Amino acid sequence: MKFNSLFLSILISIFISKSFALTNSEVAESTEWTNVMLIRSDAPDSTGDTAPGFCNATLIHQNVMITAAHCLVLAYVSGMKKITLQIGNYKYINRKSDGKLVRIGYVDKYILNKEVSIEFPQSLVDKIAVRGEKAMISPSEDVAIAWWKEETPELANIQLADVISPIEHIELIKNLNQKNLQVVTVNPFSGVTSDTKRIATLNNFKWNGYIHSKSLSRVEPGDSGGPLFVQVNGKNKILAVVKGKATTVFDNWDAYSAVGPSICQMANKLPTFIKIEACK
């Protein structure tokens, strides 16, 4: 099935009554967030059934994206490692009645198909070797990077996102409740079609081996893999990625998987021409 704006519109019409979207959030208009994009990975499960999987990913190198591992586990296990990237932006026009610049929607700038290699934390690799797609992905290891070899000129002018280093991670979680954390997601199922890319600030969270959040802002289906940013020396860096909702019979919360503990372990598997700043 072709991945395009029409298909997204059909999906949106199906889910519009459920209003999926990052809640208590604002439109992420800044070009700083252009590196956050929608990805689609179609891969079969053990029964042979294939379904489109939509997630978020963030560009951290012109040839590397970071996302959640559960977004790519079927692609990894099946060997069908083809990913479609949707790079979009908000569109504006000058309103004829008064000349005011107004936002009219979120549109595709580029749609790119990539044959990728996928890297997971070693603990997850070991689990998959035994259990395949049925491996349980814990919140502490739900991180992945996807990379490719060829140059991609369409991405050349996008501001790359920084990732926190393992050392920065250790320091940050000591006083995590004093930090300002912001999540950015592109949700194709959003009921508000003109507000597809959103940003929200968390206000109630803690470190529990992962970011455990009961903030007013909540993630929804379609937000998986989105980056959670923290400021380090005045620069926004990715602290974690969206795993999703966690629930028990008594409670529910949002889980964000930290990238610091595994980023360099995964980066060490990349070819020598790819260098991740956090691991230099």
C-alpha atoms as a PDB file:
ATOM      1  CA  MET A   1       0.000   0.000   0.000  1.00  0.00           C
ATOM      2  CA  LYS A   2       1.429   3.386  -0.954  1.00  0.00           C
ATOM      3  CA  PHE A   3       2.465   5.617   1.944  1.00  0.00           C
ATOM      4  CA  ASN A   4       1.131   9.068   1.174  1.00  0.00           C
ATOM      5  CA  SER A   5      -1.020  11.909   2.431  1.00  0.00           C
ATOM      6  CA  LEU A   6      -4.195  10.331   1.060  1.00  0.00           C
ATOM      7  CA  PHE A   7      -3.580   7.150   3.042  1.00  0.00           C
ATOM      8  CA  LEU A   8      -2.944   9.198   6.176  1.00  0.00           C
ATOM      9  CA  SER A   9      -6.191  11.070   5.558  1.00  0.00           C
ATOM     10  CA  ILE A  10      -8.078   7.759   5.371  1.00  0.00           C
ATOM     11  CA  LEU A  11      -6.497   6.616   8.623  1.00  0.00           C
ATOM     12  CA  ILE A  12      -7.357   9.899  10.266  1.00  0.00           C
ATOM     13  CA  SER A  13     -10.988   9.607   9.197  1.00  0.00           C
ATOM     14  CA  ILE A  14     -11.149   6.141  10.775  1.00  0.00           C
ATOM     15  CA  PHE A  15      -9.764   7.282  14.112  1.00  0.00           C
ATOM     16  CA  ILE A  16     -11.141  10.803  14.261  1.00  0.00           C
ATOM     17  CA  SER A  17     -13.834   9.971  16.794  1.00  0.00           C
ATOM     18  CA  LYS A  18     -11.192   8.687  19.216  1.00  0.00           C
ATOM     19  CA  SER A  19      -9.040  11.841  18.872  1.00  0.00           C
ATOM     20  CA  PHE A  20      -5.668  10.136  19.256  1.00  0.00           C
ATOM     21  CA  ALA A  21      -2.922  12.671  19.918  1.00  0.00           C
ATOM     22  CA  LEU A  22      -0.430  13.755  22.528  1.00  0.00           C
ATOM     23  CA  THR A  23      -2.727  15.290  25.139  1.00  0.00           C
ATOM     24  CA  ASN A  24      -2.326  18.681  26.836  1.00  0.00           C
ATOM     25  CA  SER A  25       0.149  19.685  24.158  1.00  0.00           C
ATOM     26  CA  GLU A  26       0.882  22.515  21.733  1.00  0.00           C
ATOM     27  CA  VAL A  27       1.619  22.645  18.031  1.00  0.00           C
ATOM     28  CA  ALA A  28       5.333  21.976  17.457  1.00  0.00           C
ATOM     29  CA  GLU A  29       5.902  24.669  14.835  1.00  0.00           C
ATOM     30  CA  SER A  30       9.609  25.341  15.315  1.00  0.00           C
ATOM     31  CA  THR A  31      11.962  24.082  12.610  1.00  0.00           C
ATOM     32  CA  GLU A  32      14.044  22.742  15.511  1.00  0.00           C
ATOM     33  CA  TRP A  33      11.666  19.768  15.539  1.00  0.00           C
ATOM     34  CA  THR A  34      11.950  18.941  11.816  1.00  0.00           C
ATOM     35  CA  ASN A  35      14.223  16.061  12.820  1.00  0.00           C
ATOM     36  CA  VAL A  36      11.224  14.324  14.418  1.00  0.00           C
ATOM     37  CA  MET A  37       9.433  12.355  11.713  1.00  0.00           C
ATOM     38  CA  LEU A  38       6.863   9.666  11.077  1.00  0.00           C
ATOM     39  CA  ILE A  39       8.120   6.248  10.003  1.00  0.00           C
ATOM     40  CA  ARG A  40       6.286   3.244   8.636  1.00  0.00           C
ATOM     41  CA  SER A  41       7.584  -0.308   8.831  1.00  0.00           C
ATOM     42  CA  ASP A  42       5.630  -3.113   7.153  1.00  0.00           C
ATOM     43  CA  ALA A  43       6.803  -6.556   8.254  1.00  0.00           C
ATOM     44  CA  PRO A  44       5.191  -9.985   8.697  1.00  0.00           C
ATOM     45  CA  ASP A  45       4.777 -11.708  12.042  1.00  0.00           C
ATOM     46  CA  SER A  46       5.253 -15.436  12.605  1.00  0.00           C
ATOM     47  CA  THR A  47       1.808 -16.161  11.105  1.00  0.00           C
ATOM     48  CA  GLY A  48       2.725 -14.396   7.878  1.00  0.00           C
ATOM     49  CA  ASP A  49       0.315 -11.522   8.445  1.00  0.00           C
ATOM     50  CA  THR A  50       1.673  -8.079   7.555  1.00  0.00           C
ATOM     51  CA  ALA A  51       0.289  -4.812   8.832  1.00  0.00           C
ATOM     52  CA  PRO A  52       1.561  -1.233   8.554  1.00  0.00           C
ATOM     53  CA  GLY A  53       3.302  -0.083  11.710  1.00  0.00           C
ATOM     54  CA  PHE A  54       3.488   3.672  12.346  1.00  0.00           C
ATOM     55  CA  CYS A  55       5.921   5.184  14.812  1.00  0.00           C
ATOM     56  CA  ASN A  56       8.078   8.234  15.403  1.00  0.00           C
ATOM     57  CA  ALA A  57      11.814   8.486  14.877  1.00  0.00           C
ATOM     58  CA  THR A  58      14.362  11.271  15.261  1.00  0.00           C
ATOM     59  CA  LEU A  59      17.294  12.028  12.986  1.00  0.00           C
ATOM     60  CA  ILE A  60      20.564  12.051  14.985  1.00  0.00           C
ATOM     61  CA  HIS A  61      22.891  11.729  11.964  1.00  0.00           C
ATOM     62  CA  GLN A  62      22.167  12.103   8.258  1.00  0.00           C
ATOM     63  CA  ASN A  63      22.171   8.291   8.099  1.00  0.00           C
ATOM     64  CA  VAL A  64      20.796   7.393  11.540  1.00  0.00           C
ATOM     65  CA  MET A  65      17.421   7.574  13.304  1.00  0.00           C
ATOM     66  CA  ILE A  66      16.605   6.713  16.904  1.00  0.00           C
ATOM     67  CA  THR A  67      13.236   5.225  17.842  1.00  0.00           C
ATOM     68  CA  ALA A  68      11.630   2.595  20.089  1.00  0.00           C
ATOM     69  CA  ALA A  69      12.691  -1.015  19.646  1.00  0.00           C
ATOM     70  CA  HIS A  70       9.120  -2.310  19.597  1.00  0.00           C
ATOM     71  CA  CYS A  71       8.556  -0.227  16.455  1.00  0.00           C
ATOM     72  CA  LEU A  72      11.126  -2.274  14.534  1.00  0.00           C
ATOM     73  CA  VAL A  73      11.181  -5.690  16.172  1.00  0.00           C
ATOM     74  CA  LEU A  74       9.105  -7.376  13.441  1.00  0.00           C
ATOM     75  CA  ALA A  75      11.319  -5.853  10.745  1.00  0.00           C
ATOM     76  CA  TYR A  76      14.391  -7.090  12.619  1.00  0.00           C
ATOM     77  CA  VAL A  77      13.090 -10.633  13.119  1.00  0.00           C
ATOM     78  CA  SER A  78      11.612 -11.030   9.612  1.00  0.00           C
ATOM     79  CA  GLY A  79      14.567  -9.467   7.811  1.00  0.00           C
ATOM     80  CA  MET A  80      12.176  -7.155   5.948  1.00  0.00           C
ATOM     81  CA  LYS A  81      14.046  -4.029   6.991  1.00  0.00           C
ATOM     82  CA  LYS A  82      12.374  -1.526   4.704  1.00  0.00           C
ATOM     83  CA  ILE A  83      11.264   1.722   6.305  1.00  0.00           C
ATOM     84  CA  THR A  84       9.390   4.664   4.843  1.00  0.00           C
ATOM     85  CA  LEU A  85      10.230   8.076   6.281  1.00  0.00           C
ATOM     86  CA  GLN A  86       7.767  10.939   6.139  1.00  0.00           C
ATOM     87  CA  ILE A  87       9.435  14.306   6.598  1.00  0.00           C
ATOM     88  CA  GLY A  88       6.735  16.919   7.027  1.00  0.00           C
ATOM     89  CA  ASN A  89       6.226  20.521   7.979  1.00  0.00           C
ATOM     90  CA  TYR A  90       3.437  22.919   8.788  1.00  0.00           C
ATOM     91  CA  LYS A  91       2.071  24.902   5.851  1.00  0.00           C
ATOM     92  CA  TYR A  92       1.077  28.560   6.083  1.00  0.00           C
ATOM     93  CA  ILE A  93      -0.752  31.004   3.832  1.00  0.00           C
ATOM     94  CA  ASN A  94      -1.573  34.687   3.987  1.00  0.00           C
ATOM     95  CA  ARG A  95      -5.310  34.899   4.609  1.00  0.00           C
ATOM     96  CA  LYS A  96      -7.016  36.869   1.815  1.00  0.00           C
ATOM     97  CA  SER A  97      -9.418  38.689   4.119  1.00  0.00           C
ATOM     98  CA  ASP A  98      -6.765  40.423   6.222  1.00  0.00           C
ATOM     99  CA  GLY A  99      -3.360  39.251   4.988  1.00  0.00           C
ATOM    100  CA  LYS A 100      -2.635  37.478   8.287  1.00  0.00           C
ATOM    101  CA  LEU A 101      -0.302  34.473   8.126  1.00  0.00           C
ATOM    102  CA  VAL A 102      -2.249  31.392   9.232  1.00  0.00           C
ATOM    103  CA  ARG A 103      -1.395  27.701   9.607  1.00  0.00           C
ATOM    104  CA  ILE A 104      -3.510  25.493   7.349  1.00  0.00           C
ATOM    105  CA  GLY A 105      -2.093  22.016   7.953  1.00  0.00           C
ATOM    106  CA  TYR A 106       0.796  19.609   8.179  1.00  0.00           C
ATOM    107  CA  VAL A 107       2.060  18.374   4.813  1.00  0.00           C
ATOM    108  CA  ASP A 108       4.616  15.956   3.416  1.00  0.00           C
ATOM    109  CA  LYS A 109       7.873  17.539   2.308  1.00  0.00           C
ATOM    110  CA  TYR A 110       9.614  14.267   1.469  1.00  0.00           C
ATOM    111  CA  ILE A 111       8.610  10.616   1.516  1.00  0.00           C
ATOM    112  CA  LEU A 112      11.681   8.396   1.409  1.00  0.00           C
ATOM    113  CA  ASN A 113      12.028   4.620   1.282  1.00  0.00           C
ATOM    114  CA  LYS A 114      15.077   3.154   2.989  1.00  0.00           C
ATOM    115  CA  GLU A 115      16.598  -0.294   3.295  1.00  0.00           C
ATOM    116  CA  VAL A 116      18.023  -0.089   6.797  1.00  0.00           C
ATOM    117  CA  SER A 117      20.119  -1.942   9.307  1.00  0.00           C
ATOM    118  CA  ILE A 118      18.699  -2.099  12.823  1.00  0.00           C
ATOM    119  CA  GLU A 119      20.567  -2.122  16.121  1.00  0.00           C
ATOM    120  CA  PHE A 120      19.102  -2.991  19.531  1.00  0.00           C
ATOM    121  CA  PRO A 121      20.599  -3.073  23.041  1.00  0.00           C
ATOM    122  CA  GLN A 122      22.496  -6.338  23.479  1.00  0.00           C
ATOM    123  CA  SER A 123      20.113  -7.555  26.179  1.00  0.00           C
ATOM    124  CA  LEU A 124      17.237  -7.348  23.707  1.00  0.00           C
ATOM    125  CA  VAL A 125      19.269  -8.978  20.934  1.00  0.00           C
ATOM    126  CA  ASP A 126      19.865 -11.926  23.267  1.00  0.00           C
ATOM    127  CA  LYS A 127      16.156 -12.177  24.103  1.00  0.00           C
ATOM    128  CA  ILE A 128      15.145 -12.091  20.435  1.00  0.00           C
ATOM    129  CA  ALA A 129      17.645 -14.849  19.633  1.00  0.00           C
ATOM    130  CA  VAL A 130      15.678 -17.099  21.979  1.00  0.00           C
ATOM    131  CA  ARG A 131      12.092 -15.835  21.710  1.00  0.00           C
ATOM    132  CA  GLY A 132      11.947 -14.084  18.341  1.00  0.00           C
ATOM    133  CA  GLU A 133       9.102 -11.581  17.970  1.00  0.00           C
ATOM    134  CA  LYS A 134       7.603 -12.844  21.259  1.00  0.00           C
ATOM    135  CA  ALA A 135      10.501 -11.481  23.275  1.00  0.00           C
ATOM    136  CA  MET A 136       9.272  -9.169  26.035  1.00  0.00           C
ATOM    137  CA  ILE A 137      10.785  -5.702  25.597  1.00  0.00           C
ATOM    138  CA  SER A 138      11.255  -4.067  28.970  1.00  0.00           C
ATOM    139  CA  PRO A 139      11.090  -0.281  29.420  1.00  0.00           C
ATOM    140  CA  SER A 140      14.823  -0.268  30.127  1.00  0.00           C
ATOM    141  CA  GLU A 141      15.690  -1.597  26.653  1.00  0.00           C
ATOM    142  CA  ASP A 142      12.984  -0.310  24.303  1.00  0.00           C
ATOM    143  CA  VAL A 143      15.421   1.723  22.185  1.00  0.00           C
ATOM    144  CA  ALA A 144      16.644   1.168  18.632  1.00  0.00           C
ATOM    145  CA  ILE A 145      18.648   2.858  15.933  1.00  0.00           C
ATOM    146  CA  ALA A 146      18.112   2.374  12.209  1.00  0.00           C
ATOM    147  CA  TRP A 147      20.809   3.387   9.744  1.00  0.00           C
ATOM    148  CA  TRP A 148      21.634   3.282   6.045  1.00  0.00           C
ATOM    149  CA  LYS A 149      24.739   3.755   3.918  1.00  0.00           C
ATOM    150  CA  GLU A 150      23.732   5.920   0.959  1.00  0.00           C
ATOM    151  CA  GLU A 151      23.705   9.702   1.045  1.00  0.00           C
ATOM    152  CA  THR A 152      20.303  11.322   1.497  1.00  0.00           C
ATOM    153  CA  PRO A 153      20.384  14.894   0.152  1.00  0.00           C
ATOM    154  CA  GLU A 154      16.775  15.504   1.246  1.00  0.00           C
ATOM    155  CA  LEU A 155      17.958  15.333   4.866  1.00  0.00           C
ATOM    156  CA  ALA A 156      21.082  17.452   4.425  1.00  0.00           C
ATOM    157  CA  ASN A 157      19.569  20.687   5.781  1.00  0.00           C
ATOM    158  CA  ILE A 158      17.711  19.206   8.722  1.00  0.00           C
ATOM    159  CA  GLN A 159      19.099  20.181  12.121  1.00  0.00           C
ATOM    160  CA  LEU A 160      20.231  16.925  13.725  1.00  0.00           C
ATOM    161  CA  ALA A 161      19.069  16.077  17.234  1.00  0.00           C
ATOM    162  CA  ASP A 162      21.653  15.479  19.947  1.00  0.00           C
ATOM    163  CA  VAL A 163      21.497  12.474  22.252  1.00  0.00           C
ATOM    164  CA  ILE A 164      22.684  12.492  25.842  1.00  0.00           C
ATOM    165  CA  SER A 165      25.839  10.517  26.569  1.00  0.00           C
ATOM    166  CA  PRO A 166      26.011   7.671  29.101  1.00  0.00           C
ATOM    167  CA  ILE A 167      27.824   9.993  31.537  1.00  0.00           C
ATOM    168  CA  GLU A 168      25.208  12.732  31.109  1.00  0.00           C
ATOM    169  CA  HIS A 169      22.496  10.147  31.714  1.00  0.00           C
ATOM    170  CA  ILE A 170      23.988   9.163  35.068  1.00  0.00           C
ATOM    171  CA  GLU A 171      24.155  12.788  36.189  1.00  0.00           C
ATOM    172  CA  LEU A 172      20.664  13.672  34.949  1.00  0.00           C
ATOM    173  CA  ILE A 173      18.780  10.899  36.721  1.00  0.00           C
ATOM    174  CA  LYS A 174      20.259  11.950  40.080  1.00  0.00           C
ATOM    175  CA  ASN A 175      18.070  15.063  40.052  1.00  0.00           C
ATOM    176  CA  LEU A 176      15.586  14.206  37.334  1.00  0.00           C
ATOM    177  CA  ASN A 177      12.614  15.840  39.063  1.00  0.00           C
ATOM    178  CA  GLN A 178      14.358  19.211  38.748  1.00  0.00           C
ATOM    179  CA  LYS A 179      14.615  18.979  34.966  1.00  0.00           C
ATOM    180  CA  ASN A 180      12.316  20.312  32.257  1.00  0.00           C
ATOM    181  CA  LEU A 181      11.318  17.435  29.978  1.00  0.00           C
ATOM    182  CA  GLN A 182       9.510  17.895  26.664  1.00  0.00           C
ATOM    183  CA  VAL A 183       8.137  15.229  24.346  1.00  0.00           C
ATOM    184  CA  VAL A 184       7.588  15.776  20.610  1.00  0.00           C
ATOM    185  CA  THR A 185       5.492  13.452  18.465  1.00  0.00           C
ATOM    186  CA  VAL A 186       4.024  13.217  14.966  1.00  0.00           C
ATOM    187  CA  ASN A 187       0.732  11.383  15.253  1.00  0.00           C
ATOM    188  CA  PRO A 188      -0.946  10.223  12.017  1.00  0.00           C
ATOM    189  CA  PHE A 189      -4.086   9.284  13.918  1.00  0.00           C
ATOM    190  CA  SER A 190      -4.602  12.727  15.436  1.00  0.00           C
ATOM    191  CA  GLY A 191      -8.207  13.878  15.288  1.00  0.00           C
ATOM    192  CA  VAL A 192      -7.000  17.419  14.584  1.00  0.00           C
ATOM    193  CA  THR A 193      -5.434  16.955  11.160  1.00  0.00           C
ATOM    194  CA  SER A 194      -3.854  20.408  11.033  1.00  0.00           C
ATOM    195  CA  ASP A 195      -2.040  19.837  14.358  1.00  0.00           C
ATOM    196  CA  THR A 196      -0.201  16.627  13.559  1.00  0.00           C
ATOM    197  CA  LYS A 197       3.141  17.451  15.213  1.00  0.00           C
ATOM    198  CA  ARG A 198       2.802  18.263  18.910  1.00  0.00           C
ATOM    199  CA  ILE A 199       5.027  19.169  21.843  1.00  0.00           C
ATOM    200  CA  ALA A 200       4.220  18.769  25.532  1.00  0.00           C
ATOM    201  CA  THR A 201       5.991  19.417  28.827  1.00  0.00           C
ATOM    202  CA  LEU A 202       5.929  16.724  31.507  1.00  0.00           C
ATOM    203  CA  ASN A 203       5.110  17.885  35.026  1.00  0.00           C
ATOM    204  CA  ASN A 204       5.006  14.689  37.101  1.00  0.00           C
ATOM    205  CA  PHE A 205       7.670  12.053  36.528  1.00  0.00           C
ATOM    206  CA  LYS A 206      10.380   9.995  38.208  1.00  0.00           C
ATOM    207  CA  TRP A 207      13.215   7.637  37.398  1.00  0.00           C
ATOM    208  CA  ASN A 208      12.276   3.983  37.867  1.00  0.00           C
ATOM    209  CA  GLY A 209      14.815   2.325  35.595  1.00  0.00           C
ATOM    210  CA  TYR A 210      12.971   4.303  32.904  1.00  0.00           C
ATOM    211  CA  ILE A 211      11.045   7.597  32.882  1.00  0.00           C
ATOM    212  CA  HIS A 212       7.795   6.888  34.728  1.00  0.00           C
ATOM    213  CA  SER A 213       5.353   9.724  33.984  1.00  0.00           C
ATOM    214  CA  LYS A 214       1.929  10.552  35.401  1.00  0.00           C
ATOM    215  CA  SER A 215       1.958  14.030  33.918  1.00  0.00           C
ATOM    216  CA  LEU A 216      -1.056  15.958  32.666  1.00  0.00           C
ATOM    217  CA  SER A 217       0.357  15.386  29.170  1.00  0.00           C
ATOM    218  CA  ARG A 218      -0.201  11.789  28.104  1.00  0.00           C
ATOM    219  CA  VAL A 219       0.940   9.798  25.086  1.00  0.00           C
ATOM    220  CA  GLU A 220      -1.527   8.085  22.774  1.00  0.00           C
ATOM    221  CA  PRO A 221      -1.401   5.336  20.108  1.00  0.00           C
ATOM    222  CA  GLY A 222       0.818   6.594  17.287  1.00  0.00           C
ATOM    223  CA  ASP A 223       3.242   8.458  19.592  1.00  0.00           C
ATOM    224  CA  SER A 224       5.618   5.503  20.084  1.00  0.00           C
ATOM    225  CA  GLY A 225       9.277   6.220  19.406  1.00  0.00           C
ATOM    226  CA  GLY A 226       8.877   9.985  19.850  1.00  0.00           C
ATOM    227  CA  PRO A 227      11.800  11.750  21.565  1.00  0.00           C
ATOM    228  CA  LEU A 228      11.785  13.083  25.122  1.00  0.00           C
ATOM    229  CA  PHE A 229      14.128  16.081  25.286  1.00  0.00           C
ATOM    230  CA  VAL A 230      16.022  17.560  28.220  1.00  0.00           C
ATOM    231  CA  GLN A 231      18.212  20.652  28.240  1.00  0.00           C
ATOM    232  CA  VAL A 232      21.912  20.101  28.906  1.00  0.00           C
ATOM    233  CA  ASN A 233      24.048  23.254  28.973  1.00  0.00           C
ATOM    234  CA  GLY A 234      21.403  25.139  27.016  1.00  0.00           C
ATOM    235  CA  LYS A 235      21.045  22.478  24.299  1.00  0.00           C
ATOM    236  CA  ASN A 236      18.089  20.139  23.819  1.00  0.00           C
ATOM    237  CA  LYS A 237      19.156  16.494  23.855  1.00  0.00           C
ATOM    238  CA  ILE A 238      17.208  13.266  23.617  1.00  0.00           C
ATOM    239  CA  LEU A 239      16.928  11.670  27.046  1.00  0.00           C
ATOM    240  CA  ALA A 240      14.442   8.928  26.155  1.00  0.00           C
ATOM    241  CA  VAL A 241      11.915   7.699  23.594  1.00  0.00           C
ATOM    242  CA  VAL A 242       8.210   6.990  24.027  1.00  0.00           C
ATOM    243  CA  LYS A 243       7.496   3.383  24.919  1.00  0.00           C
ATOM    244  CA  GLY A 244       3.799   3.964  25.568  1.00  0.00           C
ATOM    245  CA  LYS A 245       1.160   3.443  28.208  1.00  0.00           C
ATOM    246  CA  ALA A 246       1.660   1.040  31.084  1.00  0.00           C
ATOM    247  CA  THR A 247      -1.299  -0.185  33.114  1.00  0.00           C
ATOM    248  CA  THR A 248      -2.225  -2.383  36.038  1.00  0.00           C
ATOM    249  CA  VAL A 249      -5.657  -3.045  37.503  1.00  0.00           C
ATOM    250  CA  PHE A 250      -4.949  -0.237  39.965  1.00  0.00           C
ATOM    251  CA  ASP A 251      -3.040   2.391  38.011  1.00  0.00           C
ATOM    252  CA  ASN A 252      -1.716   3.643  34.684  1.00  0.00           C
ATOM    253  CA  TRP A 253       1.200   5.797  33.563  1.00  0.00           C
ATOM    254  CA  ASP A 254       3.404   6.584  30.555  1.00  0.00           C
ATOM    255  CA  ALA A 255       6.768   4.931  30.037  1.00  0.00           C
ATOM    256  CA  TYR A 256       9.774   6.500  28.296  1.00  0.00           C
ATOM    257  CA  SER A 257      12.839   4.351  27.627  1.00  0.00           C
ATOM    258  CA  ALA A 258      16.159   6.073  28.347  1.00  0.00           C
ATOM    259  CA  VAL A 259      18.682   6.138  25.502  1.00  0.00           C
ATOM    260  CA  GLY A 260      21.853   6.882  27.505  1.00  0.00           C
ATOM    261  CA  PRO A 261      22.566   3.383  28.855  1.00  0.00           C
ATOM    262  CA  SER A 262      22.566   1.751  25.405  1.00  0.00           C
ATOM    263  CA  ILE A 263      23.307   4.459  22.810  1.00  0.00           C
ATOM    264  CA  CYS A 264      27.058   3.882  22.603  1.00  0.00           C
ATOM    265  CA  GLN A 265      26.730   0.107  22.716  1.00  0.00           C
ATOM    266  CA  MET A 266      24.508   0.349  19.639  1.00  0.00           C
ATOM    267  CA  ALA A 267      26.634   3.068  18.007  1.00  0.00           C
ATOM    268  CA  ASN A 268      29.701   0.821  18.214  1.00  0.00           C
ATOM    269  CA  LYS A 269      28.036  -1.464  15.668  1.00  0.00           C
ATOM    270  CA  LEU A 270      27.786   1.307  13.073  1.00  0.00           C
ATOM    271  CA  PRO A 271      30.286   1.665  10.195  1.00  0.00           C
ATOM    272  CA  THR A 272      33.266   3.915  10.871  1.00  0.00           C
ATOM    273  CA  PHE A 273      31.979   6.785   8.699  1.00  0.00           C
ATOM    274  CA  ILE A 274      29.048   7.278  11.090  1.00  0.00           C
ATOM    275  CA  LYS A 275      29.948   9.003  14.336  1.00  0.00           C
ATOM    276  CA  ILE A 276      27.389   9.754  17.042  1.00  0.00           C
ATOM    277  CA  GLU A 277      28.381  12.838  18.995  1.00  0.00           C
ATOM    278  CA  ALA A 278      27.433  11.349  22.379  1.00  0.00           C
ATOM    279  CA  CYS A 279      29.875   8.477  21.844  1.00  0.00           C
ATOM    280  CA  LYS A 280      32.920  10.244  20.421  1.00  0.00           C
END
